[in-house]
Amino acid sequence: PHHAAGGGADGKPKLPDIVFRGFDTRSIHAGASPDPTTGARSTPIFQTTAYVFDDADHAASLFNLQTFGNIYSRLSNPTTAVLEERLANLEGGRGATCTASGHSAQLVALFPLMQPGDTIIAS
């Protein structure tokens, strides 16, 4: 791996950013960073559905998509975010969207192409 230089803005030591080059290595590590507190390499599975907001303004900025962050696990969560970043990295994309079911994947793919009154027929 290649180590990129970096330092924390808060004066604390920052773990180095690592750029992985091989497909096999990227399939395991892309999209994830070591935990800054413990140094753990593996991505944890966050088993939660709700997240805490600093205050009402913070919640509003998240729901208005003005600030990046987690709102509700069906919309986003840290574990899924790593998977999406990893898939985008492996496919050479800018981003990815993961869904919980094939039906929701169909809706995400088809709704942007549809207009009011259009019909989907599936069997």
C-alpha atoms as a PDB file:
ATOM      1  CA  PRO A   1       0.000   0.000   0.000  1.00  0.00           C
ATOM      2  CA  HIS A   2       0.961   3.626  -0.505  1.00  0.00           C
ATOM      3  CA  HIS A   3       0.859   5.933   2.545  1.00  0.00           C
ATOM      4  CA  ALA A   4      -0.279   9.508   2.005  1.00  0.00           C
ATOM      5  CA  ALA A   5       0.923  12.185   4.400  1.00  0.00           C
ATOM      6  CA  GLY A   6      -1.564  13.802   6.723  1.00  0.00           C
ATOM      7  CA  GLY A   7      -1.946  15.489  10.060  1.00  0.00           C
ATOM      8  CA  GLY A   8      -4.899  16.268  12.255  1.00  0.00           C
ATOM      9  CA  ALA A   9      -6.243  19.827  12.320  1.00  0.00           C
ATOM     10  CA  ASP A  10      -6.758  19.457  16.069  1.00  0.00           C
ATOM     11  CA  GLY A  11      -3.050  18.840  16.658  1.00  0.00           C
ATOM     12  CA  LYS A  12      -3.569  15.157  17.422  1.00  0.00           C
ATOM     13  CA  PRO A  13      -1.643  12.568  15.421  1.00  0.00           C
ATOM     14  CA  LYS A  14      -3.661  11.305  12.471  1.00  0.00           C
ATOM     15  CA  LEU A  15      -3.558   7.804  11.097  1.00  0.00           C
ATOM     16  CA  PRO A  16      -2.062   7.879   7.602  1.00  0.00           C
ATOM     17  CA  ASP A  17      -4.354   7.722   4.597  1.00  0.00           C
ATOM     18  CA  ILE A  18      -3.545   4.540   2.727  1.00  0.00           C
ATOM     19  CA  VAL A  19      -4.178   4.045  -0.973  1.00  0.00           C
ATOM     20  CA  PHE A  20      -4.595   0.374  -1.847  1.00  0.00           C
ATOM     21  CA  ARG A  21      -3.778  -0.585  -5.422  1.00  0.00           C
ATOM     22  CA  GLY A  22      -4.590  -4.296  -5.974  1.00  0.00           C
ATOM     23  CA  PHE A  23      -8.155  -5.475  -6.623  1.00  0.00           C
ATOM     24  CA  ASP A  24      -8.027  -8.165  -3.922  1.00  0.00           C
ATOM     25  CA  THR A  25      -6.708  -5.723  -1.323  1.00  0.00           C
ATOM     26  CA  ARG A  26      -9.216  -3.040  -2.334  1.00  0.00           C
ATOM     27  CA  SER A  27     -12.051  -5.583  -2.058  1.00  0.00           C
ATOM     28  CA  ILE A  28     -11.167  -5.950   1.624  1.00  0.00           C
ATOM     29  CA  HIS A  29     -10.007  -2.460   2.628  1.00  0.00           C
ATOM     30  CA  ALA A  30     -11.374   0.188   0.233  1.00  0.00           C
ATOM     31  CA  GLY A  31     -13.828   2.647   1.748  1.00  0.00           C
ATOM     32  CA  ALA A  32     -12.762   1.955   5.332  1.00  0.00           C
ATOM     33  CA  SER A  33     -10.277   3.625   7.608  1.00  0.00           C
ATOM     34  CA  PRO A  34      -8.794   2.243  10.792  1.00  0.00           C
ATOM     35  CA  ASP A  35     -10.666   3.341  13.904  1.00  0.00           C
ATOM     36  CA  PRO A  36      -8.818   6.463  15.130  1.00  0.00           C
ATOM     37  CA  THR A  37      -9.314   5.515  18.786  1.00  0.00           C
ATOM     38  CA  THR A  38      -8.478   1.810  18.751  1.00  0.00           C
ATOM     39  CA  GLY A  39      -6.604   1.402  15.473  1.00  0.00           C
ATOM     40  CA  ALA A  40      -8.892  -1.517  14.593  1.00  0.00           C
ATOM     41  CA  ARG A  41      -8.626  -2.349  10.879  1.00  0.00           C
ATOM     42  CA  SER A  42     -11.991  -4.108  10.406  1.00  0.00           C
ATOM     43  CA  THR A  43     -15.184  -2.166   9.809  1.00  0.00           C
ATOM     44  CA  PRO A  44     -17.649  -2.697  12.646  1.00  0.00           C
ATOM     45  CA  ILE A  45     -21.271  -3.582  11.993  1.00  0.00           C
ATOM     46  CA  PHE A  46     -23.405  -0.796  13.446  1.00  0.00           C
ATOM     47  CA  GLN A  47     -26.614  -2.409  14.681  1.00  0.00           C
ATOM     48  CA  THR A  48     -28.699   0.688  15.210  1.00  0.00           C
ATOM     49  CA  THR A  49     -31.633   2.332  13.494  1.00  0.00           C
ATOM     50  CA  ALA A  50     -31.509   5.843  14.923  1.00  0.00           C
ATOM     51  CA  TYR A  51     -28.843   8.454  15.476  1.00  0.00           C
ATOM     52  CA  VAL A  52     -28.424  11.330  17.923  1.00  0.00           C
ATOM     53  CA  PHE A  53     -28.565  14.920  16.704  1.00  0.00           C
ATOM     54  CA  ASP A  54     -26.675  17.771  18.362  1.00  0.00           C
ATOM     55  CA  ASP A  55     -29.790  19.947  18.314  1.00  0.00           C
ATOM     56  CA  ALA A  56     -32.818  20.773  16.135  1.00  0.00           C
ATOM     57  CA  ASP A  57     -30.694  22.822  13.705  1.00  0.00           C
ATOM     58  CA  HIS A  58     -28.290  19.924  13.239  1.00  0.00           C
ATOM     59  CA  ALA A  59     -31.212  17.556  12.565  1.00  0.00           C
ATOM     60  CA  ALA A  60     -32.707  20.020  10.066  1.00  0.00           C
ATOM     61  CA  SER A  61     -29.401  20.362   8.183  1.00  0.00           C
ATOM     62  CA  LEU A  62     -29.128  16.566   7.936  1.00  0.00           C
ATOM     63  CA  PHE A  63     -32.713  16.091   6.725  1.00  0.00           C
ATOM     64  CA  ASN A  64     -32.268  18.964   4.222  1.00  0.00           C
ATOM     65  CA  LEU A  65     -29.085  17.256   2.950  1.00  0.00           C
ATOM     66  CA  GLN A  66     -27.025  20.342   3.788  1.00  0.00           C
ATOM     67  CA  THR A  67     -24.777  18.339   6.119  1.00  0.00           C
ATOM     68  CA  PHE A  68     -23.489  14.813   5.595  1.00  0.00           C
ATOM     69  CA  GLY A  69     -24.386  12.367   8.323  1.00  0.00           C
ATOM     70  CA  ASN A  70     -26.630   9.560   9.400  1.00  0.00           C
ATOM     71  CA  ILE A  71     -30.323  10.117  10.028  1.00  0.00           C
ATOM     72  CA  TYR A  72     -31.970   6.707  10.002  1.00  0.00           C
ATOM     73  CA  SER A  73     -30.447   3.324   9.108  1.00  0.00           C
ATOM     74  CA  ARG A  74     -32.866   2.640   6.261  1.00  0.00           C
ATOM     75  CA  LEU A  75     -31.452   5.740   4.553  1.00  0.00           C
ATOM     76  CA  SER A  76     -27.799   5.403   5.516  1.00  0.00           C
ATOM     77  CA  ASN A  77     -25.523   3.961   8.148  1.00  0.00           C
ATOM     78  CA  PRO A  78     -21.748   3.746   8.611  1.00  0.00           C
ATOM     79  CA  THR A  79     -21.543   0.049   7.693  1.00  0.00           C
ATOM     80  CA  THR A  80     -23.464   0.481   4.432  1.00  0.00           C
ATOM     81  CA  ALA A  81     -21.454   3.613   3.610  1.00  0.00           C
ATOM     82  CA  VAL A  82     -18.238   1.551   3.691  1.00  0.00           C
ATOM     83  CA  LEU A  83     -19.813  -1.071   1.407  1.00  0.00           C
ATOM     84  CA  GLU A  84     -20.937   1.622  -1.053  1.00  0.00           C
ATOM     85  CA  GLU A  85     -17.499   3.261  -1.101  1.00  0.00           C
ATOM     86  CA  ARG A  86     -15.822  -0.137  -1.546  1.00  0.00           C
ATOM     87  CA  LEU A  87     -18.058  -1.107  -4.479  1.00  0.00           C
ATOM     88  CA  ALA A  88     -17.531   2.268  -6.151  1.00  0.00           C
ATOM     89  CA  ASN A  89     -13.775   1.894  -5.725  1.00  0.00           C
ATOM     90  CA  LEU A  90     -13.760  -1.604  -7.221  1.00  0.00           C
ATOM     91  CA  GLU A  91     -15.902  -0.546 -10.190  1.00  0.00           C
ATOM     92  CA  GLY A  92     -14.043   2.735 -10.801  1.00  0.00           C
ATOM     93  CA  GLY A  93     -17.162   4.745  -9.988  1.00  0.00           C
ATOM     94  CA  ARG A  94     -17.766   7.976  -8.119  1.00  0.00           C
ATOM     95  CA  GLY A  95     -20.352   6.464  -5.803  1.00  0.00           C
ATOM     96  CA  ALA A  96     -22.699   3.563  -5.250  1.00  0.00           C
ATOM     97  CA  THR A  97     -26.084   2.998  -3.670  1.00  0.00           C
ATOM     98  CA  CYS A  98     -26.915  -0.187  -1.810  1.00  0.00           C
ATOM     99  CA  THR A  99     -30.475  -1.236  -1.124  1.00  0.00           C
ATOM    100  CA  ALA A 100     -31.983  -3.768   1.240  1.00  0.00           C
ATOM    101  CA  SER A 101     -33.985  -5.659  -1.380  1.00  0.00           C
ATOM    102  CA  GLY A 102     -34.295  -6.277  -5.087  1.00  0.00           C
ATOM    103  CA  HIS A 103     -37.600  -4.420  -5.117  1.00  0.00           C
ATOM    104  CA  SER A 104     -36.070  -1.283  -3.657  1.00  0.00           C
ATOM    105  CA  ALA A 105     -33.187  -1.587  -6.157  1.00  0.00           C
ATOM    106  CA  GLN A 106     -35.737  -1.680  -8.991  1.00  0.00           C
ATOM    107  CA  LEU A 107     -37.455   1.429  -7.648  1.00  0.00           C
ATOM    108  CA  VAL A 108     -34.170   3.300  -7.273  1.00  0.00           C
ATOM    109  CA  ALA A 109     -33.248   2.389 -10.863  1.00  0.00           C
ATOM    110  CA  LEU A 110     -36.631   2.919 -12.524  1.00  0.00           C
ATOM    111  CA  PHE A 111     -38.295   5.840 -10.739  1.00  0.00           C
ATOM    112  CA  PRO A 112     -35.849   8.447 -12.107  1.00  0.00           C
ATOM    113  CA  LEU A 113     -36.695   7.247 -15.636  1.00  0.00           C
ATOM    114  CA  MET A 114     -40.456   7.341 -15.145  1.00  0.00           C
ATOM    115  CA  GLN A 115     -42.985  10.123 -15.477  1.00  0.00           C
ATOM    116  CA  PRO A 116     -46.366  10.518 -13.766  1.00  0.00           C
ATOM    117  CA  GLY A 117     -48.813   7.992 -15.194  1.00  0.00           C
ATOM    118  CA  ASP A 118     -46.148   5.470 -16.258  1.00  0.00           C
ATOM    119  CA  THR A 119     -46.713   1.842 -15.234  1.00  0.00           C
ATOM    120  CA  ILE A 120     -44.310  -0.896 -14.248  1.00  0.00           C
ATOM    121  CA  ILE A 121     -45.349  -4.423 -15.110  1.00  0.00           C
ATOM    122  CA  ALA A 122     -43.355  -7.147 -13.413  1.00  0.00           C
ATOM    123  CA  SER A 123     -43.762 -10.889 -13.236  1.00  0.00           C
END
